[in-house]
Protein backbone atom coordinates (compact mmCIF):
# COMPACT_ATOMS: atom_id res chain seq x y z
CA UNK A 1 -48.73 99.02 -37.94
CA UNK A 2 -51.86 100.01 -35.98
CA UNK A 3 -50.55 103.53 -35.45
CA UNK A 4 -49.69 103.85 -39.14
CA UNK A 5 -53.24 103.06 -40.24
CA UNK A 6 -54.69 105.34 -37.56
CA UNK A 7 -52.41 108.19 -38.65
CA UNK A 8 -53.38 107.63 -42.29
CA UNK A 9 -57.02 107.81 -41.27
CA UNK A 10 -56.28 111.18 -39.70
CA UNK A 11 -54.45 112.33 -42.83
CA UNK A 12 -57.23 111.30 -45.17
CA UNK A 13 -59.71 113.24 -43.04
CA UNK A 14 -57.79 116.47 -43.69
CA UNK A 15 -57.17 116.23 -47.45
CA UNK A 16 -59.11 117.93 -50.23
CA UNK A 17 -61.39 115.31 -51.81
CA UNK A 18 -61.94 117.46 -54.92
CA UNK A 19 -58.34 116.98 -56.04
CA UNK A 20 -58.47 113.28 -55.13
CA UNK A 21 -61.40 112.90 -57.53
CA UNK A 22 -59.38 114.54 -60.28
CA UNK A 23 -56.49 112.19 -59.59
CA UNK A 24 -58.92 109.23 -59.56
CA UNK A 25 -60.19 110.34 -62.99
CA UNK A 26 -56.62 110.27 -64.33
CA UNK A 27 -55.98 106.79 -62.87
CA UNK A 28 -59.33 105.46 -64.13
CA UNK A 29 -58.56 106.77 -67.61
CA UNK A 30 -55.22 104.95 -67.55
CA UNK A 31 -56.94 101.73 -66.50
CA UNK A 32 -59.42 102.08 -69.38
CA UNK A 33 -56.50 102.70 -71.75
CA UNK A 34 -54.83 99.50 -70.57
CA UNK A 35 -58.01 97.51 -71.27
CA UNK A 36 -58.46 99.14 -74.68
CA UNK A 37 -54.88 98.35 -75.66
CA UNK A 38 -55.51 94.69 -74.86
CA UNK A 39 -58.60 94.76 -77.10
CA UNK A 40 -57.20 96.88 -79.93
CA UNK A 41 -53.52 95.91 -80.06
CA UNK A 42 -53.92 93.89 -83.30
CA UNK A 43 -55.92 96.57 -85.14
CA UNK A 44 -53.63 99.30 -86.59
CA UNK A 45 -56.46 101.82 -87.06
CA UNK A 46 -57.74 101.40 -83.52
CA UNK A 47 -54.20 101.45 -82.18
CA UNK A 48 -53.70 104.90 -83.75
CA UNK A 49 -56.86 106.05 -82.01
CA UNK A 50 -55.59 104.49 -78.77
CA UNK A 51 -52.40 106.52 -79.00
CA UNK A 52 -54.46 109.69 -79.28
CA UNK A 53 -56.52 108.65 -76.27
CA UNK A 54 -53.28 108.36 -74.25
CA UNK A 55 -53.29 112.16 -74.26
CA UNK A 56 -56.54 112.24 -72.27
CA UNK A 57 -54.82 112.06 -68.82
CA UNK A 58 -52.63 115.01 -69.85
CA UNK A 59 -55.72 116.91 -71.02
CA UNK A 60 -57.46 116.19 -67.71
CA UNK A 61 -54.49 117.61 -65.83
CA UNK A 62 -54.36 120.60 -68.19
CA UNK A 63 -58.01 121.38 -67.40
CA UNK A 64 -57.26 120.92 -63.69
CA UNK A 65 -54.35 123.36 -63.96
CA UNK A 66 -56.50 125.95 -65.74
CA UNK A 67 -59.19 125.72 -63.05
CA UNK A 68 -57.04 125.45 -59.92
CA UNK A 69 -53.49 126.59 -60.70
CA UNK A 70 -53.30 129.23 -63.45
CA UNK A 71 -52.78 132.65 -61.91
CA UNK A 72 -51.31 131.39 -58.66
CA UNK A 73 -47.61 131.87 -57.85
CA UNK A 74 -45.58 129.13 -59.51
CA UNK A 75 -44.46 127.80 -56.12
CA UNK A 76 -47.93 126.33 -55.61
CA UNK A 77 -47.66 124.21 -58.76
CA UNK A 78 -45.42 121.81 -56.84
CA UNK A 79 -48.24 120.55 -54.63
CA UNK A 80 -50.00 119.15 -57.70
CA UNK A 81 -46.82 117.93 -59.37
CA UNK A 82 -47.34 114.31 -58.31
CA UNK A 83 -50.72 114.13 -60.05
CA UNK A 84 -49.33 115.70 -63.20
CA UNK A 85 -46.47 113.16 -63.18
CA UNK A 86 -49.08 110.38 -63.34
CA UNK A 87 -50.48 111.89 -66.53
CA UNK A 88 -47.00 112.07 -68.07
CA UNK A 89 -46.41 108.41 -67.18
CA UNK A 90 -49.36 107.52 -69.41
CA UNK A 91 -47.32 108.65 -72.40
CA UNK A 92 -44.60 106.02 -71.89
CA UNK A 93 -46.68 102.97 -72.93
CA UNK A 94 -47.96 105.02 -75.88
CA UNK A 95 -44.44 105.15 -77.32
CA UNK A 96 -44.11 101.37 -77.05
CA UNK A 97 -47.62 100.42 -78.18
CA UNK A 98 -46.42 98.05 -80.96
CA UNK A 99 -43.61 96.45 -79.00
CA UNK A 100 -45.07 93.40 -77.28
CA UNK A 101 -42.44 92.88 -74.58
CA UNK A 102 -41.54 96.55 -74.26
CA UNK A 103 -45.18 97.56 -73.85
CA UNK A 104 -45.81 94.99 -71.14
CA UNK A 105 -42.78 96.08 -69.13
CA UNK A 106 -43.66 99.75 -69.59
CA UNK A 107 -47.32 99.14 -68.72
CA UNK A 108 -46.48 97.24 -65.52
CA UNK A 109 -43.95 99.82 -64.35
CA UNK A 110 -46.25 102.68 -65.27
CA UNK A 111 -49.13 101.04 -63.42
CA UNK A 112 -47.09 100.48 -60.27
CA UNK A 113 -45.63 103.99 -60.27
CA UNK A 114 -49.01 105.56 -61.01
CA UNK A 115 -50.68 103.70 -58.14
CA UNK A 116 -47.91 104.69 -55.73
CA UNK A 117 -48.13 108.31 -56.86
CA UNK A 118 -51.91 108.17 -56.57
CA UNK A 119 -51.74 106.82 -53.01
CA UNK A 120 -49.24 109.47 -52.02
CA UNK A 121 -51.24 112.28 -53.62
CA UNK A 122 -54.46 111.14 -51.99
CA UNK A 123 -52.74 111.29 -48.59
CA UNK A 124 -51.41 114.82 -49.11
CA UNK A 125 -54.06 116.28 -51.45
CA UNK A 126 -53.63 119.97 -50.67
CA UNK A 127 -56.24 122.35 -49.35
CA UNK A 128 -55.06 125.06 -51.73
CA UNK A 129 -57.68 127.39 -53.12
CA UNK A 130 -56.78 129.64 -56.05
CA UNK A 131 -58.88 132.81 -56.18
CA UNK A 132 -56.33 134.94 -58.03
CA UNK A 133 -58.65 135.54 -61.01
CA UNK A 134 -61.49 136.79 -58.84
CA UNK A 135 -62.16 140.39 -57.82
CA UNK A 136 -61.23 141.75 -54.40
CA UNK A 137 -64.74 141.23 -53.07
CA UNK A 138 -65.18 137.89 -54.83
CA UNK A 139 -61.90 136.44 -53.57
CA UNK A 140 -62.54 137.70 -50.04
CA UNK A 141 -65.94 136.00 -50.01
CA UNK A 142 -64.29 132.82 -51.35
CA UNK A 143 -61.70 132.98 -48.55
CA UNK A 144 -64.49 133.17 -45.98
CA UNK A 145 -66.17 130.14 -47.57
CA UNK A 146 -62.86 128.22 -47.59
CA UNK A 147 -62.28 128.84 -43.91
CA UNK A 148 -65.89 128.33 -42.90
CA UNK A 149 -65.65 124.80 -44.32
CA UNK A 150 -62.05 123.81 -43.65
CA UNK A 151 -60.71 125.83 -40.68
CA UNK A 152 -60.26 123.13 -38.07
CA UNK A 153 -60.98 125.29 -35.00
CA UNK A 154 -64.13 127.04 -36.23
CA UNK A 155 -66.28 125.52 -33.49
CA UNK A 156 -63.60 125.58 -30.77
CA UNK A 157 -63.02 129.31 -31.17
CA UNK A 158 -66.71 129.99 -31.79
CA UNK A 159 -66.01 131.80 -35.04
CA UNK A 160 -68.96 133.44 -36.81
CA UNK A 161 -67.56 133.72 -40.33
CA UNK A 162 -70.63 135.43 -41.87
CA UNK A 163 -70.42 138.12 -39.20
CA UNK A 164 -66.70 138.64 -39.80
CA UNK A 165 -67.31 138.85 -43.55
CA UNK A 166 -69.99 141.47 -43.00
CA UNK A 167 -67.59 143.45 -40.77
CA UNK A 168 -64.70 143.59 -43.26
CA UNK A 169 -66.48 143.47 -46.64
CA UNK A 170 -67.11 147.27 -46.68
CA UNK A 171 -63.35 147.85 -46.35
CA UNK A 172 -62.69 145.28 -49.08
CA UNK A 173 -65.31 146.89 -51.32
CA UNK A 174 -63.74 150.31 -50.78
CA UNK A 175 -60.33 148.88 -51.69
CA UNK A 176 -61.83 147.40 -54.86
CA UNK A 177 -63.40 150.70 -55.89
CA UNK A 178 -60.07 152.47 -55.38
CA UNK A 179 -58.02 149.53 -56.70
CA UNK A 180 -55.91 149.93 -53.58
CA UNK A 181 -53.88 146.75 -53.09
CA UNK A 182 -52.57 147.88 -49.73
CA UNK A 183 -56.02 148.54 -48.34
CA UNK A 184 -57.21 145.15 -49.61
CA UNK A 185 -54.29 143.32 -47.98
CA UNK A 186 -54.78 145.22 -44.71
CA UNK A 187 -58.46 144.30 -44.57
CA UNK A 188 -57.64 140.62 -45.14
CA UNK A 189 -54.88 140.74 -42.50
CA UNK A 190 -57.24 142.35 -39.97
CA UNK A 191 -59.84 139.67 -40.69
CA UNK A 192 -57.23 136.95 -40.09
CA UNK A 193 -55.94 138.53 -36.88
CA UNK A 194 -59.43 138.53 -35.37
CA UNK A 195 -59.23 134.72 -35.26
CA UNK A 196 -56.24 134.91 -32.86
CA UNK A 197 -54.61 131.73 -34.11
CA UNK A 198 -50.82 131.49 -34.35
CA UNK A 199 -51.18 129.25 -37.39
CA UNK A 200 -53.15 131.79 -39.39
CA UNK A 201 -51.06 134.17 -41.47
CA UNK A 202 -51.60 136.65 -44.28
CA UNK A 203 -48.64 137.13 -46.63
CA UNK A 204 -48.39 140.21 -48.83
CA UNK A 205 -47.89 139.53 -52.53
CA UNK A 206 -46.39 142.79 -53.83
CA UNK A 207 -43.45 145.08 -53.11
CA UNK A 208 -44.22 148.00 -50.83
CA UNK A 209 -43.48 151.58 -51.81
CA UNK A 210 -42.24 154.05 -49.20
CA UNK A 211 -45.71 155.38 -48.38
CA UNK A 212 -47.10 151.87 -47.92
CA UNK A 213 -44.17 150.84 -45.74
CA UNK A 214 -44.68 153.86 -43.50
CA UNK A 215 -48.33 152.94 -43.03
CA UNK A 216 -47.12 149.68 -41.49
CA UNK A 217 -44.02 150.69 -39.51
CA UNK A 218 -42.79 153.94 -38.01
CA UNK A 219 -39.54 154.55 -36.14
CA UNK A 220 -39.79 157.30 -33.53
CA UNK A 221 -36.42 156.44 -32.04
CA UNK A 222 -37.78 154.50 -29.08
CA UNK A 223 -39.63 151.28 -28.35
CA UNK A 224 -41.81 150.66 -25.28
CA UNK A 225 -42.30 147.57 -23.14
CA UNK A 226 -44.61 146.77 -20.23
CA UNK A 227 -43.07 145.57 -16.96
CA UNK A 228 -44.61 143.24 -14.38
CA UNK A 229 -45.70 146.23 -12.26
CA UNK A 230 -47.54 147.68 -15.32
CA UNK A 231 -45.05 150.50 -15.81
CA UNK A 232 -44.26 151.11 -19.47
CA UNK A 233 -40.66 152.08 -20.10
CA UNK A 234 -38.68 153.22 -23.11
CA UNK A 235 -36.04 150.88 -24.52
CA UNK A 236 -33.69 150.89 -27.51
CA UNK A 237 -33.75 154.69 -27.46
CA UNK A 238 -31.97 156.73 -30.12
CA UNK A 239 -29.85 159.88 -29.79
CA UNK A 240 -32.87 161.94 -30.89
CA UNK A 241 -35.01 160.49 -28.09
CA UNK A 242 -32.16 160.99 -25.61
CA UNK A 243 -32.00 164.66 -26.60
CA UNK A 244 -35.66 164.98 -25.54
CA UNK A 245 -34.81 163.43 -22.14
CA UNK A 246 -36.07 159.94 -22.98
CA UNK A 247 -33.50 157.27 -22.18
CA UNK A 248 -33.56 153.51 -21.77
CA UNK A 249 -35.69 152.88 -18.68
CA UNK A 250 -37.61 156.17 -18.78
CA UNK A 251 -41.21 155.64 -17.66
CA UNK A 252 -43.67 156.59 -20.41
CA UNK A 253 -47.02 157.85 -19.12
CA UNK A 254 -48.97 158.92 -22.20
CA UNK A 255 -48.93 158.38 -25.94
CA UNK A 256 -50.64 161.00 -28.09
CA UNK A 257 -52.45 162.31 -25.02
CA UNK A 258 -53.83 159.00 -23.79
CA UNK A 259 -52.57 156.96 -20.82
CA UNK A 260 -50.08 154.67 -22.50
CA UNK A 261 -51.74 151.34 -21.63
CA UNK A 262 -55.08 152.72 -22.79
CA UNK A 263 -53.49 153.88 -26.04
CA UNK A 264 -51.85 150.48 -26.52
CA UNK A 265 -55.20 148.74 -26.09
CA UNK A 266 -57.22 151.16 -28.23
CA UNK A 267 -54.80 152.42 -30.87
CA UNK A 268 -52.23 149.65 -31.18
CA UNK A 269 -52.68 147.06 -33.93
CA UNK A 270 -54.27 143.69 -33.22
CA UNK A 271 -51.44 141.32 -34.18
CA UNK A 272 -53.55 138.20 -33.73
CA UNK A 273 -51.79 136.79 -30.67
CA UNK A 274 -53.73 133.73 -29.41
CA UNK A 275 -52.88 134.41 -25.73
CA UNK A 276 -54.26 137.71 -24.46
CA UNK A 277 -51.59 138.05 -21.75
CA UNK A 278 -48.87 137.88 -24.42
CA UNK A 279 -50.62 140.57 -26.43
CA UNK A 280 -50.86 142.80 -23.33
CA UNK A 281 -47.14 142.35 -22.71
CA UNK A 282 -46.26 143.37 -26.28
CA UNK A 283 -49.00 145.90 -27.06
CA UNK A 284 -46.89 148.93 -26.08
CA UNK A 285 -44.01 147.72 -28.23
CA UNK A 286 -46.27 147.55 -31.29
CA UNK A 287 -47.87 150.91 -30.45
CA UNK A 288 -44.44 152.53 -30.58
CA UNK A 289 -43.99 151.49 -34.22
CA UNK A 290 -47.30 152.67 -35.78
CA UNK A 291 -48.87 156.08 -36.30
CA UNK A 292 -48.25 159.25 -38.27
CA UNK A 293 -45.26 161.42 -39.05
CA UNK A 294 -45.11 162.50 -35.39
CA UNK A 295 -46.13 161.19 -31.99
CA UNK A 296 -46.67 163.03 -28.71
CA UNK A 297 -44.93 161.29 -25.81
CA UNK A 298 -45.36 162.07 -22.12
CA UNK A 299 -42.80 160.70 -19.67
CA UNK A 300 -41.39 161.07 -16.17
CA UNK A 301 -38.13 163.01 -16.22
CA UNK A 302 -35.19 162.58 -13.86
CA UNK A 303 -36.75 165.05 -11.42
CA UNK A 304 -39.96 163.05 -11.20
CA UNK A 305 -41.95 165.56 -13.25
CA UNK A 306 -44.09 164.68 -16.28
CA UNK A 307 -42.84 166.12 -19.55
CA UNK A 308 -44.40 165.98 -23.01
CA UNK A 309 -42.42 166.07 -26.26
CA UNK A 310 -43.05 165.46 -29.94
CA UNK A 311 -41.00 162.76 -31.63
CA UNK A 312 -40.64 162.34 -35.38
CA UNK A 313 -40.60 159.30 -37.62
CA UNK A 314 -36.98 158.61 -38.55
CA UNK A 315 -37.91 156.12 -41.25
CA UNK A 316 -36.90 152.49 -41.44
CA UNK A 317 -37.49 149.64 -39.00
CA UNK A 318 -34.28 149.67 -36.94
CA UNK A 319 -35.81 150.34 -33.50
CA UNK A 320 -38.63 147.85 -33.92
CA UNK A 321 -36.25 145.14 -35.16
CA UNK A 322 -33.75 145.80 -32.36
CA UNK A 323 -36.42 145.69 -29.66
CA UNK A 324 -38.24 142.58 -30.89
CA UNK A 325 -34.96 140.70 -31.45
CA UNK A 326 -33.71 141.55 -27.95
CA UNK A 327 -36.99 140.48 -26.32
CA UNK A 328 -36.84 137.16 -28.21
CA UNK A 329 -33.27 136.58 -26.98
CA UNK A 330 -31.79 137.10 -30.44
CA UNK A 331 -29.19 139.40 -31.95
CA UNK A 332 -29.27 141.39 -35.16
CA UNK A 333 -28.93 140.75 -37.99
CA UNK A 334 -31.38 137.84 -37.81
CA UNK A 335 -30.16 134.82 -39.74
CA UNK A 336 -32.82 132.13 -40.19
CA UNK A 337 -30.34 129.72 -41.76
CA UNK A 338 -28.00 130.04 -38.80
CA UNK A 339 -30.89 129.49 -36.40
CA UNK A 340 -31.75 126.27 -38.23
CA UNK A 341 -28.11 125.18 -38.16
CA UNK A 342 -28.12 125.66 -34.38
CA UNK A 343 -31.09 123.32 -33.98
CA UNK A 344 -30.31 120.49 -31.53
CA UNK A 345 -26.93 122.09 -30.73
CA UNK A 346 -25.48 121.45 -27.27
CA UNK A 347 -22.78 122.93 -25.04
CA UNK A 348 -21.79 123.26 -21.42
CA UNK A 349 -22.73 126.64 -19.94
CA UNK A 350 -20.42 126.00 -16.99
CA UNK A 351 -18.86 122.94 -15.39
CA UNK A 352 -22.27 121.60 -14.27
CA UNK A 353 -24.98 123.02 -16.51
CA UNK A 354 -25.65 121.56 -19.93
CA UNK A 355 -27.55 123.33 -22.72
CA UNK A 356 -29.72 121.98 -25.55
CA UNK A 357 -31.22 124.29 -28.16
CA UNK A 358 -34.35 123.24 -30.06
CA UNK A 359 -35.28 125.83 -32.70
CA UNK A 360 -37.38 123.49 -34.87
CA UNK A 361 -38.67 119.94 -34.63
CA UNK A 362 -37.43 118.35 -37.79
CA UNK A 363 -34.67 115.83 -38.41
CA UNK A 364 -33.82 117.47 -41.72
CA UNK A 365 -34.98 114.34 -43.53
CA UNK A 366 -38.53 113.88 -44.84
CA UNK A 367 -38.18 110.10 -44.43
CA UNK A 368 -37.18 110.34 -40.76
CA UNK A 369 -39.75 113.05 -39.99
CA UNK A 370 -42.67 111.17 -41.53
CA UNK A 371 -41.53 107.78 -40.25
CA UNK A 372 -41.92 109.12 -36.72
CA UNK A 373 -45.16 110.87 -37.57
CA UNK A 374 -46.79 107.78 -39.10
CA UNK A 375 -45.71 105.35 -36.38
CA UNK A 376 -45.87 107.70 -33.41
CA UNK A 377 -42.38 106.50 -32.45
CA UNK A 378 -39.56 108.86 -33.46
CA UNK A 379 -36.64 106.52 -32.76
CA UNK A 380 -34.25 108.57 -34.91
CA UNK A 381 -34.78 111.65 -32.74
CA UNK A 382 -34.62 109.61 -29.52
CA UNK A 383 -31.26 108.12 -30.56
CA UNK A 384 -29.97 111.56 -31.48
CA UNK A 385 -31.06 113.14 -28.18
CA UNK A 386 -29.68 110.16 -26.23
CA UNK A 387 -26.26 110.63 -27.84
CA UNK A 388 -26.21 114.37 -27.16
CA UNK A 389 -27.33 114.06 -23.54
CA UNK A 390 -24.82 111.29 -22.87
CA UNK A 391 -22.10 113.50 -24.31
CA UNK A 392 -23.11 116.35 -21.99
CA UNK A 393 -23.21 113.99 -19.03
CA UNK A 394 -19.68 112.82 -19.90
CA UNK A 395 -18.61 116.49 -19.74
CA UNK A 396 -19.95 116.76 -16.19
CA UNK A 397 -23.55 117.83 -16.73
CA UNK A 398 -25.60 117.71 -13.52
CA UNK A 399 -28.55 119.75 -14.74
CA UNK A 400 -29.81 120.98 -18.11
CA UNK A 401 -31.35 124.01 -19.82
CA UNK A 402 -33.53 123.25 -22.86
CA UNK A 403 -33.98 126.40 -24.94
CA UNK A 404 -37.30 126.36 -26.81
CA UNK A 405 -37.48 130.10 -27.42
CA UNK A 406 -38.52 130.97 -30.98
CA UNK A 407 -39.12 127.29 -31.79
CA UNK A 408 -40.70 127.30 -35.25
CA UNK A 409 -42.50 123.95 -34.82
CA UNK A 410 -42.43 120.85 -36.98
CA UNK A 411 -43.29 117.34 -35.79
CA UNK A 412 -44.45 116.85 -32.19
CA UNK A 413 -43.10 113.29 -32.19
CA UNK A 414 -39.55 114.70 -32.12
CA UNK A 415 -40.27 116.59 -28.91
CA UNK A 416 -42.02 113.54 -27.49
CA UNK A 417 -38.87 111.50 -28.19
CA UNK A 418 -36.89 113.94 -26.02
CA UNK A 419 -39.47 113.58 -23.25
CA UNK A 420 -39.12 109.78 -23.47
CA UNK A 421 -35.56 110.10 -22.15
CA UNK A 422 -36.40 112.54 -19.35
CA UNK A 423 -38.97 110.39 -17.55
CA UNK A 424 -39.50 106.83 -16.34
CA UNK A 425 -43.28 106.99 -16.79
CA UNK A 426 -45.77 107.02 -19.63
CA UNK A 427 -47.62 110.29 -20.29
CA UNK A 428 -50.21 111.41 -22.80
CA UNK A 429 -48.63 113.26 -25.69
CA UNK A 430 -50.92 114.24 -28.52
CA UNK A 431 -53.88 112.67 -30.29
CA UNK A 432 -54.43 112.93 -34.03
CA UNK A 433 -58.09 113.66 -34.64
CA UNK A 434 -60.79 114.03 -37.24
CA UNK A 435 -63.51 116.68 -37.38
CA UNK A 436 -67.01 115.81 -38.54
CA UNK A 437 -70.11 117.93 -38.14
CA UNK A 438 -68.22 120.18 -35.73
CA UNK A 439 -67.31 117.31 -33.43
CA UNK A 440 -63.80 116.04 -32.67
CA UNK A 441 -62.75 112.39 -32.52
CA UNK A 442 -59.26 111.06 -31.67
CA UNK A 443 -58.05 108.28 -33.97
CA UNK A 444 -54.35 107.94 -33.07
CA UNK A 445 -52.50 108.50 -29.79
CA UNK A 446 -48.83 109.53 -29.91
CA UNK A 447 -47.69 109.31 -26.31
CA UNK A 448 -44.60 109.68 -24.14
CA UNK A 449 -43.05 106.34 -23.16
CA UNK A 450 -40.38 106.91 -20.54
CA UNK A 451 -37.06 105.10 -20.74
CA UNK A 452 -35.85 106.52 -17.41
CA UNK A 453 -32.35 107.21 -18.75
CA UNK A 454 -32.33 110.87 -17.64
CA UNK A 455 -35.30 110.91 -15.27
CA UNK A 456 -33.02 112.09 -12.43
CA UNK A 457 -31.85 115.13 -14.40
CA UNK A 458 -33.18 118.51 -13.25
CA UNK A 459 -34.23 120.55 -16.27
CA UNK A 460 -35.32 124.14 -16.91
CA UNK A 461 -37.04 124.67 -20.28
CA UNK A 462 -37.18 128.23 -21.61
CA UNK A 463 -40.09 129.22 -23.82
CA UNK A 464 -41.62 132.46 -25.15
CA UNK A 465 -44.48 133.92 -27.18
CA UNK A 466 -42.69 132.99 -30.42
CA UNK A 467 -42.53 129.28 -29.49
CA UNK A 468 -45.25 127.92 -31.77
CA UNK A 469 -46.91 124.72 -33.01
CA UNK A 470 -44.78 121.66 -32.17
CA UNK A 471 -42.60 123.94 -30.03
CA UNK A 472 -45.71 124.89 -28.09
CA UNK A 473 -46.46 121.18 -27.84
CA UNK A 474 -43.00 120.40 -26.48
CA UNK A 475 -43.45 123.11 -23.82
CA UNK A 476 -46.63 121.33 -22.73
CA UNK A 477 -45.17 117.81 -22.76
CA UNK A 478 -42.12 118.89 -20.76
CA UNK A 479 -44.33 120.61 -18.18
CA UNK A 480 -45.88 117.21 -17.37
CA UNK A 481 -42.55 115.79 -16.21
CA UNK A 482 -41.81 116.29 -12.48
CA UNK A 483 -38.09 116.95 -13.03
CA UNK A 484 -38.71 119.68 -15.62
CA UNK A 485 -39.72 123.31 -15.03
CA UNK A 486 -41.01 125.31 -17.99
CA UNK A 487 -40.29 129.01 -17.53
CA UNK A 488 -40.50 132.24 -19.48
CA UNK A 489 -41.32 135.94 -19.35
CA UNK A 490 -44.30 135.15 -21.59
CA UNK A 491 -46.36 132.04 -22.22
CA UNK A 492 -45.84 130.03 -25.42
CA UNK A 493 -47.77 131.14 -28.51
CA UNK A 494 -50.93 129.11 -27.91
CA UNK A 495 -51.35 127.03 -31.07
CA UNK A 496 -50.69 123.36 -31.89
CA UNK A 497 -52.87 122.30 -34.83
CA UNK A 498 -51.59 121.11 -38.22
CA UNK A 499 -51.20 123.58 -41.07
CA UNK A 500 -52.46 122.85 -44.58
CA UNK A 501 -55.04 125.39 -45.76
CA UNK A 502 -53.92 128.02 -48.29
CA UNK A 503 -56.14 130.55 -50.04
CA UNK A 504 -54.56 132.82 -52.67
CA UNK A 505 -56.64 135.93 -53.24
CA UNK A 506 -57.18 138.39 -56.09
CA UNK A 507 -54.05 138.84 -58.20
CA UNK A 508 -51.95 137.10 -55.55
CA UNK A 509 -52.15 140.29 -53.44
CA UNK A 510 -52.77 138.26 -50.27
CA UNK A 511 -52.14 134.62 -49.42
CA UNK A 512 -53.83 133.28 -46.30
CA UNK A 513 -52.63 130.21 -44.39
CA UNK A 514 -54.80 128.35 -41.87
CA UNK A 515 -54.75 125.00 -40.00
CA UNK A 516 -56.75 122.04 -41.32
CA UNK A 517 -55.35 119.10 -39.30
CA UNK A 518 -56.69 118.32 -35.83
CA UNK A 519 -54.47 117.70 -32.77
CA UNK A 520 -56.26 116.72 -29.55
CA UNK A 521 -55.37 116.31 -25.87
CA UNK A 522 -56.32 113.47 -23.54
CA UNK A 523 -59.76 115.03 -23.02
CA UNK A 524 -60.57 115.02 -26.72
CA UNK A 525 -60.18 118.82 -26.94
CA UNK A 526 -57.91 120.74 -29.32
CA UNK A 527 -54.41 120.57 -27.85
CA UNK A 528 -53.20 123.90 -26.40
CA UNK A 529 -55.10 126.25 -28.73
CA UNK A 530 -56.91 129.06 -26.95
CA UNK A 531 -60.66 129.49 -27.01
CA UNK A 532 -62.56 132.74 -27.59
CA UNK A 533 -61.49 133.98 -24.11
CA UNK A 534 -57.82 133.79 -25.23
CA UNK A 535 -56.70 132.44 -21.87
CA UNK A 536 -53.52 130.37 -22.15
CA UNK A 537 -54.07 126.62 -21.90
CA UNK A 538 -50.31 126.03 -21.78
CA UNK A 539 -48.94 128.67 -19.37
CA UNK A 540 -45.38 128.63 -18.07
CA UNK A 541 -44.97 126.92 -14.71
CA UNK A 542 -42.68 129.67 -13.46
CA UNK A 543 -42.91 133.26 -14.64
CA UNK A 544 -39.46 134.78 -15.01
CA UNK A 545 -39.54 138.19 -13.29
CA UNK A 546 -39.60 141.11 -15.72
CA UNK A 547 -38.76 144.28 -13.83
CA UNK A 548 -36.68 147.36 -14.60
CA UNK A 549 -33.36 145.56 -14.03
CA UNK A 550 -34.42 142.66 -16.25
CA UNK A 551 -35.44 145.03 -19.05
CA UNK A 552 -32.11 146.87 -18.86
CA UNK A 553 -30.18 143.62 -19.13
CA UNK A 554 -32.24 142.55 -22.13
CA UNK A 555 -32.62 145.77 -24.13
CA UNK A 556 -29.70 147.97 -23.06
CA UNK A 557 -26.95 145.50 -22.21
CA UNK A 558 -28.08 142.85 -24.73
CA UNK A 559 -27.56 140.07 -22.16
CA UNK A 560 -29.43 136.77 -22.24
CA UNK A 561 -31.26 137.46 -19.02
CA UNK A 562 -33.60 134.46 -19.31
CA UNK A 563 -30.76 132.00 -19.83
CA UNK A 564 -28.84 133.44 -16.87
CA UNK A 565 -32.01 133.15 -14.78
CA UNK A 566 -32.44 129.48 -15.78
CA UNK A 567 -28.88 128.59 -14.75
CA UNK A 568 -29.31 130.27 -11.37
CA UNK A 569 -32.67 128.56 -10.90
CA UNK A 570 -31.11 125.13 -11.48
CA UNK A 571 -28.18 125.97 -9.21
CA UNK A 572 -30.70 126.79 -6.49
CA UNK A 573 -32.40 123.41 -6.91
CA UNK A 574 -29.04 121.63 -6.85
CA UNK A 575 -28.12 123.33 -3.58
């Protein structure tokens, strides 16, 4: 039970006390109503008044909805649903006010349910801020105030929110004067990306027209990727690019007259990657999908001479989608539901190598997920992993690949449960923390407690830049185990805090998400998340070589180069 109370302490430190006070007002009103009924139950006139007063909790919630909910997308109503249910419960005793036995039963049940709902709501009181009725400039300023107060890594990343507001407010003001929704959203997105936090996102709240879409994505018939030797080559080339002499593997030297790496750094969009090395790997890819109607490309032809051609925007997003999917080890069309169905799937890659895929860290059951989170002991996941690994061992498994690529996160305790089985020692996992006055304090340790069942198993864990949050955490926890090697072409994303903050801006044009729950390491520092220098604090142990041949296997031949590398790596250890 100690872990449960410690975890609750962490939870209560992250909730929005404003909404808790509103909920407390509703519960206090219901308590007063119960007392008044006891005093007035024999007076018909006062009982009529009492029935009218039973509407007060509903009125309180109506006022709350007007202040905090009206104008926001309906999906956000659900987070306050529990509090509104409490107000509706107050109406049940009102209907039975004159029935002695019926009222008592209704009052007791209503009281119990209301208290339970109140406790639950106070533990999850959302950090949702509705600025939809404010102007562009007003809502942007409100967003800055929200994050300045609630963004959990403000001090860790040394964020100067007033300075950032001053930098982007002119662009926001210009968008307001022109009533340009696209310009407003872009300014908010650029502001968010400057924080370089994988848990910060800026959703767009309106459908894009063709002109707006083109301002975001161009398709020149080729994508570009940076190799380990710093060459930038073309990949996923189209027939139009081939006609110009640009094929898969062609070395690109300049983009619009600038050396290509310089152009990627100066003209490519800042996508907000937490780890600078990951951004540098992907910068050329993003550069090849932004710009104007045309782009000037210089490249080395088959004779070793530099040629320059003009390529045209073909429209659409095909090349970008094909390139990013291939680099993530995925195939088009992307199917998020299928990826979730494949979570925790296993198979034998050959007669000796087992395979476990972890695309998200959730058991698919809120009860099981939160039971592990509250106690720090995810026995349901440990039993599930034990069964799957035993099944692979029965099929002849001698070594194992754990595929964490594109892991969407979830609950770290699920990944810790997997680590329990792969070691015979205890290791530090994660610490749930609280932030006060810019200082971090750990209140609950959720550690790895080895069972030793598969401690002799050699494991290669594959990760990538799109392995985020709890997936990032699992990459770290696995790297601590001596029988596990974490490998990848890129490092994991570089974020591991808990999400929770949501600010909805003017007219719902932009919705910003940011972390509000604190996760710490054994040194009392934020777990994994990069600092202002953007150096990875959770790098891969072994960098998978990314040369010309590797790029051709990934982008041209659509092979799973990383998985093949992992199997060969384990075979080498076994030999």
